[in-house]
Amino acid sequence: MSDDDPPIEESLLDLFPFPVEVLPGASILPAMSASLARFPNSCPVILGNEFSVSRLAEEFEDGAPRWSPEIILERAARVSVDGFLAERLAELAEQNAESEPPAGPTSVHTEAGPEGVIMEARVNARFGVDGIQFVDGLPRGPWPEDAGSKQTEPGGFLDILTGQPFRECALAHIPVAQTRPWEVFAHLCFGAWNECPEPAIHVALAKDWHERFGARIVTAHFDTVEFKVDRPVSTREEAMELAKQFYAYCPDIVDQGTGTIDSLAATMLGAKVWFFWWD
């Protein structure tokens, strides 16, 4: 169990316009299962530890979010998913064409020990040490022989550095029918900072992915999202097409993560959990 996190104060929970309970991290998954079975008009979502909850709560500090759920859903209904993806991929391709990779291996270290190692691997992958090539402006490479083990359950209740459950973890009960889980993003007013899309984009893409793959949001930390997937992708062709969508939605999972779209696609074959992170 992770012992370093401060307790989640009741005053933080009171800021949210929906019920949020605090549980031991190890109890989160059973609590989610019970909630799904008992409350069909509510979607349980992991909000994480005190730091994550405090950042998410900032949206509601003034008594109301920047945009109401109704306005976000109205905007989402006007979003062309194909149009957004095409436009965003074109922007990323242009940015990649303008960026010059360093002449040799590049390493970035922090003082945080393991994080330094992680960051070094990310930077090396991004700038070609592992054979990256830009094809039509997108980072491509060979299909990896071993994509590693696939995550089968959400990990939003775990400390990412230690792998141990949070001592305290927040579980929100969003007033959204389980048949419409994409609307969770509207109630959280999630996004619209750095490379993280505005809430309406999250809603529109989540709706599309739910209809095609049975994906539903299960974790929303302040900078990460996890989806649980009922119908995972099963072919390389399908995984590659979806990986391009993921890159448009969340470039950091490639640029600071897998290094190439091909490597990302390999992790998605049969995966029952999708993970996104914005810097």
Protein backbone atom coordinates (compact mmCIF):
# COMPACT_ATOMS: atom_id res chain seq x y z
CA MET A 1 0.00 0.00 0.00
CA SER A 2 1.26 3.46 -0.87
CA ASP A 3 1.85 5.43 2.35
CA ASP A 4 3.05 8.78 0.99
CA ASP A 5 -0.28 10.32 -0.06
CA PRO A 6 -2.07 12.79 2.24
CA PRO A 7 -5.70 12.03 3.11
CA ILE A 8 -8.43 13.24 0.79
CA GLU A 9 -10.23 16.03 2.63
CA GLU A 10 -14.02 16.17 2.77
CA SER A 11 -13.87 19.80 1.63
CA LEU A 12 -12.45 18.66 -1.71
CA LEU A 13 -15.20 16.12 -2.23
CA ASP A 14 -17.85 18.74 -1.50
CA LEU A 15 -16.74 20.74 -4.54
CA PHE A 16 -17.91 18.08 -6.99
CA PRO A 17 -21.53 18.26 -8.22
CA PHE A 18 -21.87 14.46 -7.97
CA PRO A 19 -21.23 11.88 -5.23
CA VAL A 20 -17.59 10.96 -4.54
CA GLU A 21 -16.57 8.41 -1.94
CA VAL A 22 -13.12 7.66 -0.54
CA LEU A 23 -12.02 4.04 -0.25
CA PRO A 24 -8.80 2.12 0.25
CA GLY A 25 -7.22 1.66 -3.16
CA ALA A 26 -7.40 -2.12 -2.82
CA SER A 27 -11.21 -1.88 -2.49
CA ILE A 28 -11.82 0.18 -5.63
CA LEU A 29 -12.38 -2.58 -8.21
CA PRO A 30 -14.91 -4.53 -6.07
CA ALA A 31 -16.70 -1.27 -5.31
CA MET A 32 -16.91 -0.44 -9.02
CA SER A 33 -18.35 -3.87 -9.81
CA ALA A 34 -20.95 -3.50 -7.09
CA SER A 35 -21.90 -0.02 -8.28
CA LEU A 36 -22.30 -1.16 -11.89
CA ALA A 37 -24.61 -3.96 -10.77
CA ARG A 38 -26.76 -1.84 -8.44
CA PHE A 39 -26.99 1.58 -10.09
CA PRO A 40 -27.65 1.45 -13.88
CA ASN A 41 -28.08 5.23 -14.02
CA SER A 42 -24.66 5.96 -12.57
CA CYS A 43 -21.14 5.41 -13.91
CA PRO A 44 -18.37 4.76 -11.35
CA VAL A 45 -15.10 6.47 -12.26
CA ILE A 46 -11.76 6.34 -10.41
CA LEU A 47 -10.48 9.85 -9.65
CA GLY A 48 -7.25 8.75 -7.95
CA ASN A 49 -5.35 10.03 -4.92
CA GLU A 50 -5.45 13.36 -3.11
CA PHE A 51 -3.23 15.15 -5.65
CA SER A 52 -5.35 14.05 -8.60
CA VAL A 53 -8.62 14.83 -6.83
CA SER A 54 -7.44 18.30 -5.86
CA ARG A 55 -6.52 19.09 -9.47
CA LEU A 56 -9.83 17.80 -10.80
CA ALA A 57 -11.71 19.75 -8.12
CA GLU A 58 -10.19 23.02 -9.36
CA GLU A 59 -12.72 22.93 -12.20
CA PHE A 60 -15.54 23.35 -9.68
CA GLU A 61 -13.98 25.77 -7.18
CA ASP A 62 -16.07 28.71 -8.39
CA GLY A 63 -19.29 26.78 -7.98
CA ALA A 64 -19.64 25.82 -11.65
CA PRO A 65 -17.34 24.45 -14.37
CA ARG A 66 -16.26 26.44 -17.43
CA TRP A 67 -18.99 24.77 -19.46
CA SER A 68 -22.08 22.96 -18.23
CA PRO A 69 -22.63 19.31 -19.18
CA GLU A 70 -25.50 20.41 -21.41
CA ILE A 71 -23.31 22.83 -23.39
CA ILE A 72 -20.53 20.23 -23.74
CA LEU A 73 -22.96 17.58 -24.99
CA GLU A 74 -24.44 20.07 -27.45
CA ARG A 75 -20.97 20.86 -28.79
CA ALA A 76 -20.08 17.16 -28.96
CA ALA A 77 -23.14 16.46 -31.10
CA ARG A 78 -21.72 18.84 -33.71
CA VAL A 79 -18.23 17.29 -33.73
CA SER A 80 -17.22 15.36 -36.84
CA VAL A 81 -15.01 12.59 -35.47
CA ASP A 82 -13.47 11.88 -38.87
CA GLY A 83 -12.96 15.59 -39.46
CA PHE A 84 -11.24 16.13 -36.11
CA LEU A 85 -8.97 13.11 -36.55
CA ALA A 86 -7.93 14.09 -40.08
CA GLU A 87 -7.24 17.69 -39.08
CA ARG A 88 -5.30 16.71 -35.98
CA LEU A 89 -3.17 14.13 -37.79
CA ALA A 90 -2.34 16.73 -40.44
CA GLU A 91 -1.27 19.17 -37.70
CA LEU A 92 0.93 16.55 -36.04
CA ALA A 93 2.48 15.56 -39.37
CA GLU A 94 3.36 19.21 -40.02
CA GLN A 95 4.86 19.57 -36.55
CA ASN A 96 6.91 16.40 -37.02
CA ALA A 97 8.16 17.63 -40.39
CA GLU A 98 9.39 20.84 -38.79
CA SER A 99 11.16 19.16 -35.86
CA GLU A 100 14.75 18.05 -36.30
CA PRO A 101 15.83 14.98 -34.33
CA PRO A 102 19.18 15.26 -32.54
CA ALA A 103 22.28 13.92 -34.25
CA GLY A 104 22.87 11.22 -31.64
CA PRO A 105 21.15 9.53 -28.72
CA THR A 106 19.48 11.94 -26.36
CA SER A 107 18.96 11.21 -22.69
CA VAL A 108 16.98 13.16 -20.14
CA HIS A 109 17.39 12.38 -16.46
CA THR A 110 15.51 13.66 -13.48
CA GLU A 111 16.48 13.43 -9.83
CA ALA A 112 13.64 10.99 -9.18
CA GLY A 113 15.56 7.81 -9.90
CA PRO A 114 13.14 5.51 -11.76
CA GLU A 115 11.50 8.46 -13.51
CA GLY A 116 14.85 9.37 -15.05
CA VAL A 117 15.10 5.91 -16.58
CA ILE A 118 11.56 6.12 -17.89
CA MET A 119 12.14 9.53 -19.43
CA GLU A 120 15.40 8.42 -21.07
CA ALA A 121 13.61 5.53 -22.75
CA ARG A 122 10.83 7.83 -23.94
CA VAL A 123 13.20 10.40 -25.44
CA ASN A 124 15.34 7.77 -27.13
CA ALA A 125 12.30 6.15 -28.69
CA ARG A 126 10.94 9.50 -29.89
CA PHE A 127 14.12 10.56 -31.71
CA GLY A 128 15.03 7.52 -33.71
CA VAL A 129 17.47 5.56 -31.62
CA ASP A 130 15.12 2.60 -31.95
CA GLY A 131 14.63 2.95 -35.70
CA ILE A 132 11.81 5.47 -35.90
CA GLN A 133 10.93 6.77 -39.37
CA PHE A 134 8.43 9.43 -40.34
CA VAL A 135 5.98 8.20 -42.97
CA ASP A 136 3.58 10.88 -44.18
CA GLY A 137 4.72 12.85 -41.16
CA LEU A 138 3.75 10.16 -38.64
CA PRO A 139 6.22 8.23 -36.44
CA ARG A 140 6.48 4.68 -37.77
CA GLY A 141 8.70 1.69 -37.10
CA PRO A 142 8.82 -2.09 -37.21
CA TRP A 143 6.12 -4.14 -35.57
CA PRO A 144 7.61 -5.19 -32.21
CA GLU A 145 8.22 -8.87 -31.62
CA ASP A 146 7.04 -8.60 -28.03
CA ALA A 147 4.47 -5.98 -27.07
CA GLY A 148 4.53 -7.02 -23.43
CA SER A 149 1.68 -8.18 -21.24
CA LYS A 150 -1.77 -6.68 -21.73
CA GLN A 151 -3.52 -4.82 -18.92
CA THR A 152 -6.82 -6.52 -18.08
CA GLU A 153 -8.12 -4.23 -15.32
CA PRO A 154 -7.91 -0.47 -14.76
CA GLY A 155 -4.94 0.71 -12.73
CA GLY A 156 -6.23 4.09 -11.60
CA PHE A 157 -6.15 3.01 -7.94
CA LEU A 158 -2.41 2.24 -8.08
CA ASP A 159 0.65 4.40 -7.44
CA ILE A 160 2.34 4.49 -10.85
CA LEU A 161 5.85 4.42 -9.33
CA THR A 162 5.41 1.70 -6.72
CA GLY A 163 2.57 -0.31 -8.23
CA GLN A 164 0.91 -0.38 -4.81
CA PRO A 165 -2.71 0.63 -4.16
CA PHE A 166 -3.28 4.17 -2.88
CA ARG A 167 -4.02 4.32 0.84
CA GLU A 168 -7.02 6.47 -0.09
CA CYS A 169 -8.59 6.63 -3.55
CA ALA A 170 -11.63 8.57 -4.74
CA LEU A 171 -14.44 6.88 -6.63
CA ALA A 172 -16.96 9.19 -8.32
CA HIS A 173 -20.50 8.17 -9.16
CA ILE A 174 -21.33 10.23 -12.24
CA PRO A 175 -25.09 10.64 -12.90
CA VAL A 176 -24.94 9.15 -16.38
CA ALA A 177 -26.76 6.06 -17.66
CA GLN A 178 -24.38 3.15 -18.15
CA THR A 179 -25.66 2.93 -21.73
CA ARG A 180 -24.20 6.42 -22.35
CA PRO A 181 -20.78 6.36 -20.61
CA TRP A 182 -19.26 8.91 -22.99
CA GLU A 183 -21.24 11.62 -21.19
CA VAL A 184 -18.96 11.22 -18.14
CA PHE A 185 -16.48 13.63 -19.77
CA ALA A 186 -19.15 16.32 -19.91
CA HIS A 187 -19.86 16.08 -16.17
CA LEU A 188 -16.15 16.21 -15.35
CA CYS A 189 -15.58 19.08 -17.82
CA PHE A 190 -12.37 17.22 -18.64
CA GLY A 191 -9.71 18.69 -20.93
CA ALA A 192 -8.90 21.90 -22.82
CA TRP A 193 -5.32 22.27 -21.60
CA ASN A 194 -1.98 21.73 -23.38
CA GLU A 195 -2.46 18.90 -25.91
CA CYS A 196 -5.50 17.55 -24.06
CA PRO A 197 -8.60 18.16 -26.23
CA GLU A 198 -11.62 20.14 -25.09
CA PRO A 199 -14.38 18.19 -23.31
CA ALA A 200 -16.62 17.96 -26.39
CA ILE A 201 -13.88 16.10 -28.30
CA HIS A 202 -13.50 13.61 -25.46
CA VAL A 203 -17.26 13.05 -25.51
CA ALA A 204 -17.45 12.57 -29.27
CA LEU A 205 -14.53 10.14 -29.48
CA ALA A 206 -15.66 8.20 -26.41
CA LYS A 207 -19.11 7.79 -27.99
CA ASP A 208 -17.59 6.51 -31.22
CA TRP A 209 -15.31 4.06 -29.39
CA HIS A 210 -18.16 2.84 -27.19
CA GLU A 211 -20.31 2.08 -30.21
CA ARG A 212 -17.49 0.30 -32.04
CA PHE A 213 -15.58 -1.40 -29.23
CA GLY A 214 -17.74 -1.22 -26.12
CA ALA A 215 -15.25 1.16 -24.51
CA ARG A 216 -16.28 3.02 -21.35
CA ILE A 217 -14.29 5.41 -19.19
CA VAL A 218 -13.28 3.91 -15.84
CA THR A 219 -10.47 6.23 -14.70
CA ALA A 220 -10.13 10.00 -14.94
CA HIS A 221 -7.13 11.36 -13.08
CA PHE A 222 -6.27 14.99 -13.74
CA ASP A 223 -3.92 14.00 -16.59
CA THR A 224 -4.76 10.37 -17.42
CA VAL A 225 -7.76 8.43 -18.67
CA GLU A 226 -8.46 4.71 -18.83
CA PHE A 227 -11.15 2.91 -20.79
CA LYS A 228 -12.38 -0.64 -20.17
CA VAL A 229 -13.03 -2.34 -23.51
CA ASP A 230 -15.62 -5.08 -24.13
CA ARG A 231 -14.62 -5.81 -27.73
CA PRO A 232 -10.84 -5.36 -28.14
CA VAL A 233 -9.24 -4.99 -31.55
CA SER A 234 -8.22 -8.35 -33.01
CA THR A 235 -6.24 -7.65 -36.21
CA ARG A 236 -3.12 -5.66 -37.02
CA GLU A 237 -4.98 -3.62 -39.60
CA GLU A 238 -7.67 -2.62 -37.12
CA ALA A 239 -5.06 -1.90 -34.44
CA MET A 240 -3.02 0.33 -36.79
CA GLU A 241 -6.06 2.35 -37.80
CA LEU A 242 -7.12 2.82 -34.19
CA ALA A 243 -3.55 3.66 -33.12
CA LYS A 244 -3.58 6.60 -35.54
CA GLN A 245 -6.78 7.80 -33.86
CA PHE A 246 -5.15 7.43 -30.46
CA TYR A 247 -2.13 9.45 -31.66
CA ALA A 248 -4.43 12.24 -32.85
CA TYR A 249 -6.32 12.17 -29.54
CA CYS A 250 -3.27 11.86 -27.29
CA PRO A 251 0.12 12.41 -29.00
CA ASP A 252 2.04 12.03 -25.72
CA ILE A 253 1.39 8.28 -25.52
CA VAL A 254 3.53 7.95 -28.67
CA ASP A 255 5.86 10.97 -28.54
CA GLN A 256 6.73 10.34 -24.89
CA GLY A 257 5.73 6.70 -24.72
CA THR A 258 5.76 3.96 -27.35
CA GLY A 259 7.82 6.00 -29.85
CA THR A 260 5.93 4.79 -32.91
CA ILE A 261 2.35 4.22 -33.96
CA ASP A 262 3.26 0.61 -34.81
CA SER A 263 4.44 -0.07 -31.26
CA LEU A 264 1.28 1.52 -29.88
CA ALA A 265 -0.86 -0.65 -32.18
CA ALA A 266 0.90 -3.79 -30.95
CA THR A 267 -0.02 -2.98 -27.36
CA MET A 268 -3.67 -2.64 -28.37
CA LEU A 269 -4.18 -6.09 -29.89
CA GLY A 270 -6.52 -7.88 -27.52
CA ALA A 271 -6.11 -5.18 -24.86
CA LYS A 272 -9.10 -4.81 -22.54
CA VAL A 273 -7.86 -1.52 -21.06
CA TRP A 274 -6.78 1.60 -22.99
CA PHE A 275 -4.56 4.14 -21.26
CA PHE A 276 -4.03 7.81 -22.20
CA TRP A 277 -1.75 10.39 -20.63
CA TRP A 278 -1.26 14.09 -21.40
CA ASP A 279 1.85 15.98 -20.29
